[in-house]
N, C-alpha and C. Protein backbone atom coordinates (compact mmCIF):
# COMPACT_ATOMS: atom_id res chain seq x y z
N MET A 1 49.46 85.65 323.31
CA MET A 1 48.14 86.10 323.39
C MET A 1 47.56 85.59 324.75
N LEU A 2 47.01 86.49 325.56
CA LEU A 2 46.46 86.07 326.84
C LEU A 2 44.99 86.31 326.83
N ARG A 3 44.22 85.32 327.39
CA ARG A 3 42.75 85.43 327.42
C ARG A 3 42.26 85.50 328.88
N ARG A 4 41.30 86.44 329.13
CA ARG A 4 40.71 86.52 330.43
C ARG A 4 39.20 86.43 330.26
N PRO A 5 38.53 85.42 330.74
CA PRO A 5 37.12 85.32 330.64
C PRO A 5 36.48 86.50 331.49
N ARG A 6 35.43 87.00 331.03
CA ARG A 6 34.61 88.04 331.75
C ARG A 6 33.21 87.51 331.67
N LYS A 7 32.30 88.11 332.59
CA LYS A 7 30.92 87.63 332.60
C LYS A 7 30.17 87.95 331.29
N ASP A 8 30.59 88.97 330.49
CA ASP A 8 29.92 89.26 329.24
C ASP A 8 30.73 88.96 328.02
N GLY A 9 31.82 88.21 328.19
CA GLY A 9 32.65 87.90 326.97
C GLY A 9 34.11 87.51 327.42
N THR A 10 35.05 87.91 326.58
CA THR A 10 36.49 87.55 326.85
C THR A 10 37.37 88.77 326.47
N GLU A 11 38.30 89.04 327.37
CA GLU A 11 39.30 90.03 327.07
C GLU A 11 40.57 89.31 326.50
N VAL A 12 41.06 89.75 325.38
CA VAL A 12 42.21 89.15 324.81
C VAL A 12 43.28 90.17 324.75
N THR A 13 44.47 89.88 325.28
CA THR A 13 45.60 90.76 325.20
C THR A 13 46.55 90.18 324.13
N PHE A 14 46.84 91.00 323.09
CA PHE A 14 47.71 90.60 322.02
C PHE A 14 49.09 91.16 322.44
N VAL A 15 50.10 90.27 322.41
CA VAL A 15 51.46 90.66 322.82
C VAL A 15 52.44 90.29 321.77
N LEU A 16 53.46 91.27 321.52
CA LEU A 16 54.48 91.04 320.61
C LEU A 16 55.80 91.56 321.24
N PRO A 17 56.98 91.06 320.72
CA PRO A 17 58.25 91.57 321.17
C PRO A 17 58.35 93.01 320.93
N GLY A 18 59.19 93.73 321.74
CA GLY A 18 59.26 95.15 321.69
C GLY A 18 59.53 95.89 320.43
N GLU A 19 60.50 95.34 319.61
CA GLU A 19 60.88 96.06 318.31
C GLU A 19 60.87 95.14 317.18
N ASP A 20 60.20 94.08 317.15
CA ASP A 20 60.20 93.20 315.96
C ASP A 20 58.79 92.84 315.63
N PRO A 21 58.25 93.39 314.57
CA PRO A 21 58.90 94.30 313.64
C PRO A 21 58.94 95.73 314.18
N PRO A 22 59.82 96.55 313.60
CA PRO A 22 59.96 97.94 314.07
C PRO A 22 58.77 98.77 313.74
N GLY A 23 58.63 99.86 314.49
CA GLY A 23 57.55 100.80 314.19
C GLY A 23 56.15 100.41 314.78
N PRO A 24 55.21 101.20 314.57
CA PRO A 24 53.80 100.90 315.11
C PRO A 24 53.26 99.65 314.48
N VAL A 25 52.53 98.84 315.35
CA VAL A 25 51.86 97.62 314.89
C VAL A 25 50.45 97.66 315.44
N SER A 26 49.47 97.35 314.55
CA SER A 26 48.05 97.34 315.03
C SER A 26 47.57 95.86 314.83
N VAL A 27 46.63 95.42 315.68
CA VAL A 27 45.94 94.21 315.44
C VAL A 27 44.65 94.63 314.75
N VAL A 28 44.42 94.01 313.63
CA VAL A 28 43.19 94.40 312.80
C VAL A 28 42.42 93.13 312.51
N GLY A 29 41.13 93.28 312.42
CA GLY A 29 40.32 92.07 312.15
C GLY A 29 38.83 92.46 312.02
N ASP A 30 37.97 91.34 312.05
CA ASP A 30 36.57 91.49 311.94
C ASP A 30 36.08 92.48 312.99
N PHE A 31 36.64 92.48 314.19
CA PHE A 31 36.14 93.25 315.33
C PHE A 31 36.32 94.76 315.21
N ASN A 32 37.20 95.19 314.31
CA ASN A 32 37.43 96.64 314.06
C ASN A 32 37.33 96.99 312.64
N ASP A 33 36.64 96.13 311.86
CA ASP A 33 36.46 96.41 310.39
C ASP A 33 37.75 96.49 309.64
N TRP A 34 38.82 95.87 310.15
CA TRP A 34 40.13 95.77 309.51
C TRP A 34 40.69 97.16 309.39
N ARG A 35 40.47 98.05 310.36
CA ARG A 35 41.00 99.38 310.32
C ARG A 35 42.26 99.45 311.15
N PRO A 36 43.44 99.77 310.54
CA PRO A 36 44.67 100.00 311.24
C PRO A 36 44.55 101.20 312.22
N GLY A 37 45.31 101.16 313.32
CA GLY A 37 45.30 102.23 314.26
C GLY A 37 44.28 102.29 315.25
N VAL A 38 43.25 101.44 315.19
CA VAL A 38 42.14 101.34 316.14
C VAL A 38 42.71 100.65 317.39
N HIS A 39 43.49 99.52 317.21
CA HIS A 39 44.02 98.76 318.28
C HIS A 39 45.55 98.64 318.05
N THR A 40 46.22 99.73 318.36
CA THR A 40 47.72 99.73 318.27
C THR A 40 48.37 99.27 319.51
N LEU A 41 49.31 98.35 319.34
CA LEU A 41 49.98 97.78 320.50
C LEU A 41 50.93 98.91 321.07
N GLN A 42 50.94 98.92 322.44
CA GLN A 42 51.66 99.98 323.18
C GLN A 42 52.78 99.29 324.01
N PRO A 43 53.87 100.01 324.18
CA PRO A 43 55.00 99.46 324.94
C PRO A 43 54.60 99.16 326.42
N ARG A 44 55.17 98.06 326.95
CA ARG A 44 54.93 97.69 328.34
C ARG A 44 56.32 97.81 329.11
N LYS A 45 56.19 97.73 330.42
CA LYS A 45 57.43 97.79 331.25
C LYS A 45 58.37 96.59 330.98
N ASP A 46 57.83 95.51 330.57
CA ASP A 46 58.63 94.27 330.31
C ASP A 46 59.40 94.31 328.94
N GLY A 47 59.23 95.39 328.22
CA GLY A 47 59.90 95.54 326.90
C GLY A 47 59.06 94.99 325.69
N LYS A 48 57.92 94.37 326.06
CA LYS A 48 57.05 93.91 324.96
C LYS A 48 56.03 94.98 324.62
N ARG A 49 55.22 94.72 323.58
CA ARG A 49 54.11 95.63 323.19
C ARG A 49 52.86 94.86 323.29
N ALA A 50 51.78 95.56 323.72
CA ALA A 50 50.52 94.80 323.87
C ALA A 50 49.32 95.77 323.66
N VAL A 51 48.20 95.15 323.40
CA VAL A 51 46.87 95.83 323.43
C VAL A 51 45.87 94.84 323.79
N THR A 52 44.86 95.20 324.65
CA THR A 52 43.75 94.45 325.08
C THR A 52 42.49 94.78 324.37
N VAL A 53 41.76 93.75 323.88
CA VAL A 53 40.49 94.01 323.19
C VAL A 53 39.40 93.17 323.86
N ALA A 54 38.30 93.70 324.08
CA ALA A 54 37.15 93.01 324.63
C ALA A 54 36.29 92.45 323.51
N PHE A 55 35.92 91.20 323.65
CA PHE A 55 35.13 90.50 322.71
C PHE A 55 33.88 89.90 323.38
N PRO A 56 32.78 89.86 322.63
CA PRO A 56 31.56 89.21 323.19
C PRO A 56 31.87 87.72 323.20
N GLY A 57 31.14 86.99 324.08
CA GLY A 57 31.30 85.54 324.17
C GLY A 57 30.73 84.82 322.97
N ASN A 58 31.24 83.60 322.75
CA ASN A 58 30.75 82.68 321.69
C ASN A 58 30.81 83.27 320.29
N THR A 59 31.96 83.87 319.94
CA THR A 59 32.12 84.43 318.63
C THR A 59 33.47 83.91 318.05
N THR A 60 33.56 84.03 316.71
CA THR A 60 34.80 83.70 316.07
C THR A 60 35.21 84.88 315.30
N GLN A 61 36.49 85.28 315.51
CA GLN A 61 37.00 86.50 314.91
C GLN A 61 38.21 86.22 314.07
N SER A 62 38.37 86.74 312.81
CA SER A 62 39.56 86.69 312.04
C SER A 62 40.38 87.87 312.30
N PHE A 63 41.72 87.77 312.43
CA PHE A 63 42.59 88.90 312.59
C PHE A 63 44.05 88.66 312.08
N ARG A 64 44.79 89.74 311.90
CA ARG A 64 46.17 89.71 311.59
C ARG A 64 46.81 90.97 312.18
N TYR A 65 48.10 91.04 312.18
CA TYR A 65 48.86 92.25 312.64
C TYR A 65 49.23 93.01 311.36
N LEU A 66 49.28 94.34 311.49
CA LEU A 66 49.71 95.19 310.42
C LEU A 66 50.79 96.16 310.96
N ALA A 67 51.99 96.03 310.41
CA ALA A 67 53.08 96.93 310.88
C ALA A 67 53.39 98.03 309.80
N ALA A 68 54.26 98.90 310.16
CA ALA A 68 54.61 99.99 309.24
C ALA A 68 55.08 99.37 307.92
N GLY A 69 54.82 100.16 306.81
CA GLY A 69 55.23 99.70 305.52
C GLY A 69 54.29 98.67 304.91
N ASP A 70 53.05 98.63 305.37
CA ASP A 70 52.10 97.70 304.84
C ASP A 70 52.51 96.27 305.05
N TYR A 71 53.19 95.95 306.15
CA TYR A 71 53.66 94.61 306.42
C TYR A 71 52.66 93.80 307.21
N TRP A 72 51.96 92.88 306.65
CA TRP A 72 51.03 92.03 307.34
C TRP A 72 51.65 90.81 307.87
N PHE A 73 51.27 90.34 309.02
CA PHE A 73 51.82 89.10 309.60
C PHE A 73 50.83 88.46 310.53
N ASN A 74 51.08 87.17 310.80
CA ASN A 74 50.13 86.40 311.69
C ASN A 74 50.75 86.27 313.12
N ASP A 75 49.92 85.86 314.03
CA ASP A 75 50.31 85.55 315.35
C ASP A 75 50.67 84.05 315.32
N GLU A 76 51.98 83.78 315.47
CA GLU A 76 52.48 82.44 315.36
C GLU A 76 52.01 81.52 316.50
N SER A 77 51.50 82.12 317.59
CA SER A 77 51.03 81.31 318.72
C SER A 77 49.69 80.75 318.47
N THR A 78 49.01 81.22 317.41
CA THR A 78 47.63 80.82 317.09
C THR A 78 47.66 79.90 315.90
N GLU A 79 47.27 78.63 316.09
CA GLU A 79 47.31 77.67 315.00
C GLU A 79 46.08 77.65 314.09
N ASP A 80 44.93 78.21 314.62
CA ASP A 80 43.70 78.17 313.85
C ASP A 80 43.78 79.28 312.82
N ARG A 81 43.52 78.94 311.53
CA ARG A 81 43.62 79.89 310.41
C ARG A 81 42.25 79.97 309.63
N ASP A 82 42.04 81.05 309.06
CA ASP A 82 40.96 81.28 308.08
C ASP A 82 41.63 81.85 306.83
N GLY A 83 42.08 81.00 305.95
CA GLY A 83 42.90 81.47 304.81
C GLY A 83 44.17 82.00 305.29
N ALA A 84 44.55 83.22 304.97
CA ALA A 84 45.80 83.91 305.40
C ALA A 84 45.69 84.49 306.84
N ASN A 85 44.45 84.51 307.37
CA ASN A 85 44.27 85.14 308.69
C ASN A 85 44.26 84.14 309.85
N ASN A 86 44.57 84.72 311.01
CA ASN A 86 44.38 83.95 312.29
C ASN A 86 42.91 83.92 312.58
N ARG A 87 42.53 82.96 313.36
CA ARG A 87 41.15 82.90 313.84
C ARG A 87 41.11 82.73 315.35
N LEU A 88 40.23 83.48 316.00
CA LEU A 88 40.15 83.49 317.42
C LEU A 88 38.72 83.11 317.88
N HIS A 89 38.58 82.17 318.72
CA HIS A 89 37.25 81.79 319.26
C HIS A 89 37.11 82.25 320.68
N THR A 90 36.05 83.01 321.00
CA THR A 90 35.80 83.44 322.35
C THR A 90 34.64 82.73 323.00
C-alpha cells in the first residue's frame, strides 16, 4: 500500500501480486459502502495489480479485499485491525 498526501486528503494505492489470488479482486470498505467492483485492482506493467483511491484527510476507514468466489482477505502489510477488517488512517 502506497500513500501520497494531497492538499485535500490522501491518495492510497492498494497493490497486490499479479495472480495471487487469481481472478478479479476489489478493495471494499467504508469508503465505497462495501460494494465489490467499485475499486477493482488493474494490471500494471510491473506484473502487480493496483487501484488508487482518494480519501479525505483525518479519517479512519475499514477495508478488506474481495476476490472471485467470495474470497475475503486482508492486507498483510497493514497491522491495524477493526475486528476482521483492516483499518486505514488518513
